[in-house]
C-alpha atoms as a PDB file:
ATOM      1  CA  MET A   1      -5.709  23.337   2.497  1.00  0.00           C
ATOM      2  CA  PRO A   2      -4.180  20.357   3.215  1.00  0.00           C
ATOM      3  CA  ASP A   3      -2.682  19.534   6.445  1.00  0.00           C
ATOM      4  CA  ALA A   4       1.531  18.004   7.229  1.00  0.00           C
ATOM      5  CA  LYS A   5      -0.721  14.169   8.206  1.00  0.00           C
ATOM      6  CA  THR A   6      -2.873  14.255   4.920  1.00  0.00           C
ATOM      7  CA  SER A   7       0.084  14.803   2.704  1.00  0.00           C
ATOM      8  CA  PHE A   8       2.101  11.902   4.199  1.00  0.00           C
ATOM      9  CA  THR A   9      -0.940   9.697   4.208  1.00  0.00           C
ATOM     10  CA  GLN A  10      -2.495  10.267   1.050  1.00  0.00           C
ATOM     11  CA  ASP A  11      -1.286  12.947  -1.887  1.00  0.00           C
ATOM     12  CA  ILE A  12       2.675  11.588  -1.528  1.00  0.00           C
ATOM     13  CA  PRO A  13       1.556   8.332  -1.254  1.00  0.00           C
ATOM     14  CA  LYS A  14      -1.315   9.139  -4.625  1.00  0.00           C
ATOM     15  CA  ARG A  15       1.718  11.326  -6.469  1.00  0.00           C
ATOM     16  CA  ILE A  16       3.719   7.832  -5.941  1.00  0.00           C
ATOM     17  CA  SER A  17       1.491   5.107  -6.743  1.00  0.00           C
ATOM     18  CA  ASP A  18       0.005   7.748  -9.806  1.00  0.00           C
ATOM     19  CA  ASN A  19       3.892   8.187 -11.936  1.00  0.00           C
ATOM     20  CA  PRO A  20       6.261   5.452 -10.451  1.00  0.00           C
ATOM     21  CA  ASP A  21       9.033   6.090 -12.405  1.00  0.00           C
ATOM     22  CA  LYS A  22       9.307   9.549 -11.709  1.00  0.00           C
ATOM     23  CA  ALA A  23       9.329   8.343  -7.822  1.00  0.00           C
ATOM     24  CA  LYS A  24      11.660   6.080  -8.244  1.00  0.00           C
ATOM     25  CA  ALA A  25      13.936   8.270 -10.517  1.00  0.00           C
ATOM     26  CA  VAL A  26      14.893  10.527  -7.439  1.00  0.00           C
ATOM     27  CA  ASP A  27      16.272   6.828  -6.579  1.00  0.00           C
ATOM     28  CA  ALA A  28      16.318   8.108  -2.636  1.00  0.00           C
ATOM     29  CA  ILE A  29      15.608   8.207   0.624  1.00  0.00           C
ATOM     30  CA  PHE A  30      14.267  10.088   3.012  1.00  0.00           C
ATOM     31  CA  LEU A  31      13.573  10.476   6.157  1.00  0.00           C
ATOM     32  CA  PHE A  32      10.708  13.589   7.562  1.00  0.00           C
ATOM     33  CA  HIS A  33      10.360  15.043  11.380  1.00  0.00           C
ATOM     34  CA  ILE A  34       7.096  17.275  11.001  1.00  0.00           C
ATOM     35  CA  THR A  35       6.947  19.221  14.992  1.00  0.00           C
ATOM     36  CA  GLY A  36       3.317  20.957  15.558  1.00  0.00           C
ATOM     37  CA  ASP A  37       0.272  19.976  14.811  1.00  0.00           C
ATOM     38  CA  ASP A  38      -0.959  17.206  13.149  1.00  0.00           C
ATOM     39  CA  GLY A  39       3.293  16.282  12.499  1.00  0.00           C
ATOM     40  CA  GLY A  40       5.069  13.291  12.688  1.00  0.00           C
ATOM     41  CA  THR A  41       8.002  11.378  11.040  1.00  0.00           C
ATOM     42  CA  TRP A  42       7.288   9.602   8.421  1.00  0.00           C
ATOM     43  CA  THR A  43       9.586   8.377   5.505  1.00  0.00           C
ATOM     44  CA  VAL A  44       9.161   8.600   2.224  1.00  0.00           C
ATOM     45  CA  ASN A  45      11.239   6.242  -0.559  1.00  0.00           C
ATOM     46  CA  LEU A  46      11.234   6.486  -3.798  1.00  0.00           C
ATOM     47  CA  LYS A  47      13.730   3.860  -4.693  1.00  0.00           C
ATOM     48  CA  ASP A  48      13.892   0.242  -4.203  1.00  0.00           C
ATOM     49  CA  ALA A  49       9.768  -0.068  -3.104  1.00  0.00           C
ATOM     50  CA  PRO A  50       8.606   3.597  -3.765  1.00  0.00           C
ATOM     51  CA  GLY A  51       5.817   4.641  -1.103  1.00  0.00           C
ATOM     52  CA  VAL A  52       5.400   6.246   2.614  1.00  0.00           C
ATOM     53  CA  THR A  53       5.998   4.560   6.076  1.00  0.00           C
ATOM     54  CA  ASP A  54       5.135   6.230   9.737  1.00  0.00           C
ATOM     55  CA  GLY A  55       7.508   6.313  10.969  1.00  0.00           C
ATOM     56  CA  ASP A  56      11.652   5.273  11.287  1.00  0.00           C
ATOM     57  CA  ALA A  57      12.443   2.766   8.472  1.00  0.00           C
ATOM     58  CA  GLY A  58      15.716   3.590   8.904  1.00  0.00           C
ATOM     59  CA  ASN A  59      17.899   3.810   5.218  1.00  0.00           C
ATOM     60  CA  ALA A  60      17.494   7.349   4.684  1.00  0.00           C
ATOM     61  CA  GLN A  61      19.707   9.233   3.052  1.00  0.00           C
ATOM     62  CA  CYS A  62      18.321  12.479   3.837  1.00  0.00           C
ATOM     63  CA  THR A  63      16.314  14.043   6.964  1.00  0.00           C
ATOM     64  CA  ILE A  64      14.525  16.841   6.559  1.00  0.00           C
ATOM     65  CA  GLU A  65      13.048  18.810   9.520  1.00  0.00           C
ATOM     66  CA  THR A  66      10.504  21.683   9.794  1.00  0.00           C
ATOM     67  CA  THR A  67       6.932  22.780  11.344  1.00  0.00           C
ATOM     68  CA  SER A  68       3.711  22.017   9.810  1.00  0.00           C
ATOM     69  CA  GLU A  69       3.213  24.924   9.333  1.00  0.00           C
ATOM     70  CA  ASN A  70       5.804  24.602   6.513  1.00  0.00           C
ATOM     71  CA  TRP A  71       5.525  22.302   5.406  1.00  0.00           C
ATOM     72  CA  VAL A  72       1.528  23.017   4.513  1.00  0.00           C
ATOM     73  CA  GLN A  73       3.781  26.195   2.571  1.00  0.00           C
ATOM     74  CA  ILE A  74       5.954  23.389   1.021  1.00  0.00           C
ATOM     75  CA  SER A  75       2.928  21.657  -0.290  1.00  0.00           C
ATOM     76  CA  GLU A  76       1.466  24.739  -1.582  1.00  0.00           C
ATOM     77  CA  ASN A  77       4.121  26.594  -3.255  1.00  0.00           C
ATOM     78  CA  PRO A  78       7.746  23.834  -3.008  1.00  0.00           C
ATOM     79  CA  ALA A  79       9.945  26.779  -3.892  1.00  0.00           C
ATOM     80  CA  ALA A  80       9.260  27.760  -0.356  1.00  0.00           C
ATOM     81  CA  ALA A  81      11.236  25.554   0.556  1.00  0.00           C
ATOM     82  CA  MET A  82      14.467  27.283  -0.418  1.00  0.00           C
ATOM     83  CA  GLN A  83      14.025  29.682   1.533  1.00  0.00           C
ATOM     84  CA  LEU A  84      12.587  28.463   5.037  1.00  0.00           C
ATOM     85  CA  TYR A  85      16.148  26.673   4.951  1.00  0.00           C
ATOM     86  CA  PHE A  86      18.073  29.673   4.213  1.00  0.00           C
ATOM     87  CA  SER A  87      16.102  31.523   7.311  1.00  0.00           C
ATOM     88  CA  GLY A  88      16.901  28.002   9.707  1.00  0.00           C
ATOM     89  CA  GLU A  89      13.531  27.218   9.573  1.00  0.00           C
ATOM     90  CA  LEU A  90      13.531  23.777   7.481  1.00  0.00           C
ATOM     91  CA  LYS A  91      16.772  21.488   8.439  1.00  0.00           C
ATOM     92  CA  VAL A  92      18.514  19.219   6.448  1.00  0.00           C
ATOM     93  CA  SER A  93      21.050  16.649   6.942  1.00  0.00           C
ATOM     94  CA  GLY A  94      22.521  13.751   4.829  1.00  0.00           C
ATOM     95  CA  ASP A  95      22.746  14.397   1.880  1.00  0.00           C
ATOM     96  CA  ALA A  96      21.187  18.084   1.332  1.00  0.00           C
ATOM     97  CA  MET A  97      21.427  17.516  -2.528  1.00  0.00           C
ATOM     98  CA  LEU A  98      18.631  15.031  -2.708  1.00  0.00           C
ATOM     99  CA  ALA A  99      16.674  17.741  -1.058  1.00  0.00           C
ATOM    100  CA  THR A 100      16.564  19.555  -4.104  1.00  0.00           C
ATOM    101  CA  LYS A 101      15.060  16.572  -6.429  1.00  0.00           C
ATOM    102  CA  LEU A 102      12.528  16.228  -3.449  1.00  0.00           C
ATOM    103  CA  GLN A 103      10.105  19.110  -6.153  1.00  0.00           C
ATOM    104  CA  GLU A 104       9.547  16.326  -8.637  1.00  0.00           C
ATOM    105  CA  ILE A 105       7.464  14.029  -6.199  1.00  0.00           C
ATOM    106  CA  LEU A 106       6.058  16.986  -4.521  1.00  0.00           C
ATOM    107  CA  SER A 107       4.589  19.141  -7.707  1.00  0.00           C
END
């Protein structure tokens, strides 16, 4: 089971490089704040220069905050994000509609 750090340093960058057109179709920049073990802050650019940057690279249109345990759940089952959001365990700020497009790159 991949942890949050592996997800952002290996899995998501690989998905972006494997299918850059799919990533660019999302057309947004996301900031992730993941707390707990193997957590951190990452910028996922699915717009002009698709890729993942460690830290806050600025210009995020949607910010997502959750724990590393919840992120693992979301990585394994992107549909779990909606349940976590409604239970208050996943916080979304900025353009929340963009968060619904994330499943394109997570699955």
